[in-house]
Amino acid sequence: TLESRAAAMEAARHVSEAISAEEEP
């Protein structure tokens, strides 16, 4: 649970950005 849409979207975006194209299944 996160307090806002912006916080949730930013957290999910942060995880995706940390995955390189080579690491992505």
PDB file of all heavy atoms in Angstrom:
ATOM      1  N   THR A   1       0.839  -1.196   0.000  1.00  0.00           N
ATOM      2  CA  THR A   1       0.000   0.000   0.000  1.00  0.00           C
ATOM      3  C   THR A   1       0.874   1.247   0.000  1.00  0.00           C
ATOM      4  O   THR A   1       1.817   1.345   0.793  1.00  0.00           O
ATOM      5  CB  THR A   1      -0.924   0.012   1.235  1.00  0.00           C
ATOM      6  OG1 THR A   1      -1.731  -1.187   1.205  1.00  0.00           O
ATOM      7  CG2 THR A   1      -1.828   1.220   1.243  1.00  0.00           C
ATOM      8  N   LEU A   2       0.540   2.183  -0.867  1.00  0.00           N
ATOM      9  CA  LEU A   2       1.209   3.484  -0.911  1.00  0.00           C
ATOM     10  C   LEU A   2       0.152   4.568  -0.796  1.00  0.00           C
ATOM     11  O   LEU A   2      -1.026   4.345  -1.074  1.00  0.00           O
ATOM     12  CB  LEU A   2       2.030   3.647  -2.178  1.00  0.00           C
ATOM     13  CG  LEU A   2       3.358   2.876  -2.118  1.00  0.00           C
ATOM     14  CD1 LEU A   2       3.206   1.477  -2.630  1.00  0.00           C
ATOM     15  CD2 LEU A   2       4.439   3.612  -2.848  1.00  0.00           C
ATOM     16  N   GLU A   3       0.597   5.756  -0.411  1.00  0.00           N
ATOM     17  CA  GLU A   3      -0.343   6.822  -0.074  1.00  0.00           C
ATOM     18  C   GLU A   3      -0.982   7.510  -1.269  1.00  0.00           C
ATOM     19  O   GLU A   3      -2.030   8.138  -1.128  1.00  0.00           O
ATOM     20  CB  GLU A   3       0.342   7.874   0.815  1.00  0.00           C
ATOM     21  CG  GLU A   3       1.446   8.671   0.125  1.00  0.00           C
ATOM     22  CD  GLU A   3       2.781   7.960   0.040  1.00  0.00           C
ATOM     23  OE1 GLU A   3       2.941   6.844   0.565  1.00  0.00           O
ATOM     24  OE2 GLU A   3       3.686   8.535  -0.595  1.00  0.00           O
ATOM     25  N   SER A   4      -0.396   7.406  -2.448  1.00  0.00           N
ATOM     26  CA  SER A   4      -0.961   8.133  -3.586  1.00  0.00           C
ATOM     27  C   SER A   4      -0.657   7.409  -4.892  1.00  0.00           C
ATOM     28  O   SER A   4       0.245   6.571  -4.963  1.00  0.00           O
ATOM     29  CB  SER A   4      -0.383   9.552  -3.657  1.00  0.00           C
ATOM     30  OG  SER A   4       0.992   9.506  -3.981  1.00  0.00           O
ATOM     31  N   ARG A   5      -1.390   7.787  -5.916  1.00  0.00           N
ATOM     32  CA  ARG A   5      -1.144   7.244  -7.249  1.00  0.00           C
ATOM     33  C   ARG A   5       0.266   7.605  -7.700  1.00  0.00           C
ATOM     34  O   ARG A   5       0.993   6.772  -8.237  1.00  0.00           O
ATOM     35  CB  ARG A   5      -2.170   7.788  -8.237  1.00  0.00           C
ATOM     36  CG  ARG A   5      -1.935   7.333  -9.662  1.00  0.00           C
ATOM     37  CD  ARG A   5      -2.889   8.010 -10.657  1.00  0.00           C
ATOM     38  NE  ARG A   5      -2.618   7.576 -12.001  1.00  0.00           N
ATOM     39  CZ  ARG A   5      -1.677   8.089 -12.786  1.00  0.00           C
ATOM     40  NH1 ARG A   5      -0.897   9.062 -12.353  1.00  0.00           N
ATOM     41  NH2 ARG A   5      -1.495   7.625 -14.010  1.00  0.00           N
ATOM     42  N   ALA A   6       0.655   8.850  -7.477  1.00  0.00           N
ATOM     43  CA  ALA A   6       1.981   9.299  -7.907  1.00  0.00           C
ATOM     44  C   ALA A   6       3.079   8.472  -7.247  1.00  0.00           C
ATOM     45  O   ALA A   6       4.041   8.069  -7.908  1.00  0.00           O
ATOM     46  CB  ALA A   6       2.166  10.779  -7.596  1.00  0.00           C
ATOM     47  N   ALA A   7       2.947   8.206  -5.961  1.00  0.00           N
ATOM     48  CA  ALA A   7       3.957   7.417  -5.248  1.00  0.00           C
ATOM     49  C   ALA A   7       3.999   5.989  -5.771  1.00  0.00           C
ATOM     50  O   ALA A   7       5.082   5.419  -5.957  1.00  0.00           O
ATOM     51  CB  ALA A   7       3.679   7.431  -3.746  1.00  0.00           C
ATOM     52  N   ALA A   8       2.840   5.391  -6.020  1.00  0.00           N
ATOM     53  CA  ALA A   8       2.792   4.016  -6.520  1.00  0.00           C
ATOM     54  C   ALA A   8       3.361   3.918  -7.930  1.00  0.00           C
ATOM     55  O   ALA A   8       4.157   3.025  -8.232  1.00  0.00           O
ATOM     56  CB  ALA A   8       1.359   3.497  -6.482  1.00  0.00           C
ATOM     57  N   MET A   9       2.984   4.845  -8.793  1.00  0.00           N
ATOM     58  CA  MET A   9       3.493   4.827 -10.165  1.00  0.00           C
ATOM     59  C   MET A   9       4.996   5.067 -10.180  1.00  0.00           C
ATOM     60  O   MET A   9       5.727   4.412 -10.931  1.00  0.00           O
ATOM     61  CB  MET A   9       2.773   5.879 -11.022  1.00  0.00           C
ATOM     62  CG  MET A   9       1.299   5.575 -11.259  1.00  0.00           C
ATOM     63  SD  MET A   9       1.009   4.118 -12.275  1.00  0.00           S
ATOM     64  CE  MET A   9       1.265   4.816 -13.896  1.00  0.00           C
ATOM     65  N   GLU A  10       5.486   5.972  -9.358  1.00  0.00           N
ATOM     66  CA  GLU A  10       6.921   6.256  -9.301  1.00  0.00           C
ATOM     67  C   GLU A  10       7.697   5.041  -8.785  1.00  0.00           C
ATOM     68  O   GLU A  10       8.759   4.708  -9.307  1.00  0.00           O
ATOM     69  CB  GLU A  10       7.207   7.475  -8.436  1.00  0.00           C
ATOM     70  CG  GLU A  10       8.675   7.820  -8.313  1.00  0.00           C
ATOM     71  CD  GLU A  10       9.372   8.058  -9.648  1.00  0.00           C
ATOM     72  OE1 GLU A  10       8.729   8.550 -10.594  1.00  0.00           O
ATOM     73  OE2 GLU A  10      10.578   7.751  -9.741  1.00  0.00           O
ATOM     74  N   ALA A  11       7.174   4.371  -7.780  1.00  0.00           N
ATOM     75  CA  ALA A  11       7.846   3.190  -7.241  1.00  0.00           C
ATOM     76  C   ALA A  11       7.913   2.082  -8.292  1.00  0.00           C
ATOM     77  O   ALA A  11       8.962   1.464  -8.486  1.00  0.00           O
ATOM     78  CB  ALA A  11       7.128   2.705  -5.987  1.00  0.00           C
ATOM     79  N   ALA A  12       6.808   1.826  -8.983  1.00  0.00           N
ATOM     80  CA  ALA A  12       6.798   0.799 -10.025  1.00  0.00           C
ATOM     81  C   ALA A  12       7.722   1.196 -11.176  1.00  0.00           C
ATOM     82  O   ALA A  12       8.451   0.354 -11.721  1.00  0.00           O
ATOM     83  CB  ALA A  12       5.376   0.569 -10.524  1.00  0.00           C
ATOM     84  N   ARG A  13       7.717   2.456 -11.548  1.00  0.00           N
ATOM     85  CA  ARG A  13       8.589   2.954 -12.612  1.00  0.00           C
ATOM     86  C   ARG A  13      10.063   2.782 -12.223  1.00  0.00           C
ATOM     87  O   ARG A  13      10.889   2.372 -13.038  1.00  0.00           O
ATOM     88  CB  ARG A  13       8.284   4.423 -12.898  1.00  0.00           C
ATOM     89  CG  ARG A  13       9.041   4.990 -14.081  1.00  0.00           C
ATOM     90  CD  ARG A  13       8.670   6.445 -14.384  1.00  0.00           C
ATOM     91  NE  ARG A  13       7.243   6.611 -14.648  1.00  0.00           N
ATOM     92  CZ  ARG A  13       6.375   7.208 -13.819  1.00  0.00           C
ATOM     93  NH1 ARG A  13       6.778   7.725 -12.678  1.00  0.00           N
ATOM     94  NH2 ARG A  13       5.105   7.318 -14.136  1.00  0.00           N
ATOM     95  N   HIS A  14      10.370   3.081 -10.966  1.00  0.00           N
ATOM     96  CA  HIS A  14      11.741   2.961 -10.464  1.00  0.00           C
ATOM     97  C   HIS A  14      12.252   1.525 -10.600  1.00  0.00           C
ATOM     98  O   HIS A  14      13.392   1.295 -11.007  1.00  0.00           O
ATOM     99  CB  HIS A  14      11.785   3.435  -9.004  1.00  0.00           C
ATOM    100  CG  HIS A  14      13.119   3.335  -8.358  1.00  0.00           C
ATOM    101  ND1 HIS A  14      14.181   4.131  -8.715  1.00  0.00           N
ATOM    102  CD2 HIS A  14      13.574   2.521  -7.387  1.00  0.00           C
ATOM    103  CE1 HIS A  14      15.237   3.809  -7.984  1.00  0.00           C
ATOM    104  NE2 HIS A  14      14.893   2.826  -7.168  1.00  0.00           N
ATOM    105  N   VAL A  15      11.418   0.559 -10.283  1.00  0.00           N
ATOM    106  CA  VAL A  15      11.808  -0.845 -10.406  1.00  0.00           C
ATOM    107  C   VAL A  15      12.053  -1.194 -11.872  1.00  0.00           C
ATOM    108  O   VAL A  15      13.073  -1.794 -12.220  1.00  0.00           O
ATOM    109  CB  VAL A  15      10.745  -1.783  -9.784  1.00  0.00           C
ATOM    110  CG1 VAL A  15      11.048  -3.234 -10.106  1.00  0.00           C
ATOM    111  CG2 VAL A  15      10.678  -1.574  -8.278  1.00  0.00           C
ATOM    112  N   SER A  16      11.137  -0.802 -12.753  1.00  0.00           N
ATOM    113  CA  SER A  16      11.303  -1.102 -14.180  1.00  0.00           C
ATOM    114  C   SER A  16      12.574  -0.487 -14.745  1.00  0.00           C
ATOM    115  O   SER A  16      13.280  -1.109 -15.546  1.00  0.00           O
ATOM    116  CB  SER A  16      10.095  -0.612 -14.979  1.00  0.00           C
ATOM    117  OG  SER A  16       9.040  -1.524 -14.889  1.00  0.00           O
ATOM    118  N   GLU A  17      12.862   0.733 -14.336  1.00  0.00           N
ATOM    119  CA  GLU A  17      14.057   1.413 -14.853  1.00  0.00           C
ATOM    120  C   GLU A  17      15.344   0.754 -14.383  1.00  0.00           C
ATOM    121  O   GLU A  17      16.388   0.900 -15.022  1.00  0.00           O
ATOM    122  CB  GLU A  17      14.032   2.887 -14.451  1.00  0.00           C
ATOM    123  CG  GLU A  17      12.986   3.677 -15.200  1.00  0.00           C
ATOM    124  CD  GLU A  17      12.821   5.099 -14.692  1.00  0.00           C
ATOM    125  OE1 GLU A  17      13.422   5.452 -13.644  1.00  0.00           O
ATOM    126  OE2 GLU A  17      12.079   5.858 -15.333  1.00  0.00           O
ATOM    127  N   ALA A  18      15.289   0.015 -13.295  1.00  0.00           N
ATOM    128  CA  ALA A  18      16.474  -0.653 -12.773  1.00  0.00           C
ATOM    129  C   ALA A  18      16.760  -1.973 -13.498  1.00  0.00           C
ATOM    130  O   ALA A  18      17.812  -2.571 -13.299  1.00  0.00           O
ATOM    131  CB  ALA A  18      16.309  -0.914 -11.275  1.00  0.00           C
ATOM    132  N   ILE A  19      15.838  -2.423 -14.343  1.00  0.00           N
ATOM    133  CA  ILE A  19      15.999  -3.682 -15.081  1.00  0.00           C
ATOM    134  C   ILE A  19      16.520  -3.364 -16.481  1.00  0.00           C
ATOM    135  O   ILE A  19      15.874  -2.657 -17.246  1.00  0.00           O
ATOM    136  CB  ILE A  19      14.654  -4.430 -15.174  1.00  0.00           C
ATOM    137  CG1 ILE A  19      14.111  -4.729 -13.773  1.00  0.00           C
ATOM    138  CG2 ILE A  19      14.806  -5.705 -15.999  1.00  0.00           C
ATOM    139  CD1 ILE A  19      12.669  -5.182 -13.773  1.00  0.00           C
ATOM    140  N   SER A  20      17.675  -3.891 -16.804  1.00  0.00           N
ATOM    141  CA  SER A  20      18.231  -3.657 -18.134  1.00  0.00           C
ATOM    142  C   SER A  20      17.513  -4.536 -19.161  1.00  0.00           C
ATOM    143  O   SER A  20      16.867  -5.526 -18.810  1.00  0.00           O
ATOM    144  CB  SER A  20      19.724  -3.959 -18.146  1.00  0.00           C
ATOM    145  OG  SER A  20      19.936  -5.345 -18.021  1.00  0.00           O
ATOM    146  N   ALA A  21      17.669  -4.187 -20.419  1.00  0.00           N
ATOM    147  CA  ALA A  21      17.059  -4.974 -21.489  1.00  0.00           C
ATOM    148  C   ALA A  21      17.586  -6.409 -21.474  1.00  0.00           C
ATOM    149  O   ALA A  21      16.842  -7.351 -21.768  1.00  0.00           O
ATOM    150  CB  ALA A  21      17.334  -4.318 -22.839  1.00  0.00           C
ATOM    151  N   GLU A  22      18.847  -6.581 -21.105  1.00  0.00           N
ATOM    152  CA  GLU A  22      19.437  -7.923 -21.045  1.00  0.00           C
ATOM    153  C   GLU A  22      18.860  -8.745 -19.894  1.00  0.00           C
ATOM    154  O   GLU A  22      18.799  -9.972 -19.976  1.00  0.00           O
ATOM    155  CB  GLU A  22      20.962  -7.840 -20.897  1.00  0.00           C
ATOM    156  CG  GLU A  22      21.668  -7.237 -22.089  1.00  0.00           C
ATOM    157  CD  GLU A  22      21.569  -5.711 -22.127  1.00  0.00           C
ATOM    158  OE1 GLU A  22      21.490  -5.063 -21.058  1.00  0.00           O
ATOM    159  OE2 GLU A  22      21.555  -5.162 -23.237  1.00  0.00           O
ATOM    160  N   GLU A  23      18.486  -8.084 -18.818  1.00  0.00           N
ATOM    161  CA  GLU A  23      17.941  -8.786 -17.645  1.00  0.00           C
ATOM    162  C   GLU A  23      16.462  -9.119 -17.798  1.00  0.00           C
ATOM    163  O   GLU A  23      15.964 -10.040 -17.155  1.00  0.00           O
ATOM    164  CB  GLU A  23      18.088  -7.917 -16.394  1.00  0.00           C
ATOM    165  CG  GLU A  23      19.492  -7.664 -15.958  1.00  0.00           C
ATOM    166  CD  GLU A  23      19.562  -6.659 -14.831  1.00  0.00           C
ATOM    167  OE1 GLU A  23      18.872  -5.611 -14.893  1.00  0.00           O
ATOM    168  OE2 GLU A  23      20.304  -6.920 -13.866  1.00  0.00           O
ATOM    169  N   GLU A  24      15.753  -8.380 -18.628  1.00  0.00           N
ATOM    170  CA  GLU A  24      14.305  -8.576 -18.753  1.00  0.00           C
ATOM    171  C   GLU A  24      13.995  -9.902 -19.437  1.00  0.00           C
ATOM    172  O   GLU A  24      14.494 -10.174 -20.528  1.00  0.00           O
ATOM    173  CB  GLU A  24      13.675  -7.436 -19.553  1.00  0.00           C
ATOM    174  CG  GLU A  24      12.177  -7.580 -19.679  1.00  0.00           C
ATOM    175  CD  GLU A  24      11.520  -6.460 -20.457  1.00  0.00           C
ATOM    176  OE1 GLU A  24      12.204  -5.782 -21.242  1.00  0.00           O
ATOM    177  OE2 GLU A  24      10.314  -6.266 -20.268  1.00  0.00           O
ATOM    178  N   PRO A  25      13.164 -10.729 -18.805  1.00  0.00           N
ATOM    179  CA  PRO A  25      12.771 -11.997 -19.432  1.00  0.00           C
ATOM    180  C   PRO A  25      11.995 -11.752 -20.728  1.00  0.00           C
ATOM    181  O   PRO A  25      11.271 -10.761 -20.863  1.00  0.00           O
ATOM    182  CB  PRO A  25      11.871 -12.657 -18.389  1.00  0.00           C
ATOM    183  CG  PRO A  25      12.198 -11.984 -17.105  1.00  0.00           C
ATOM    184  CD  PRO A  25      12.600 -10.579 -17.469  1.00  0.00           C
TER     185      PRO A  25
END
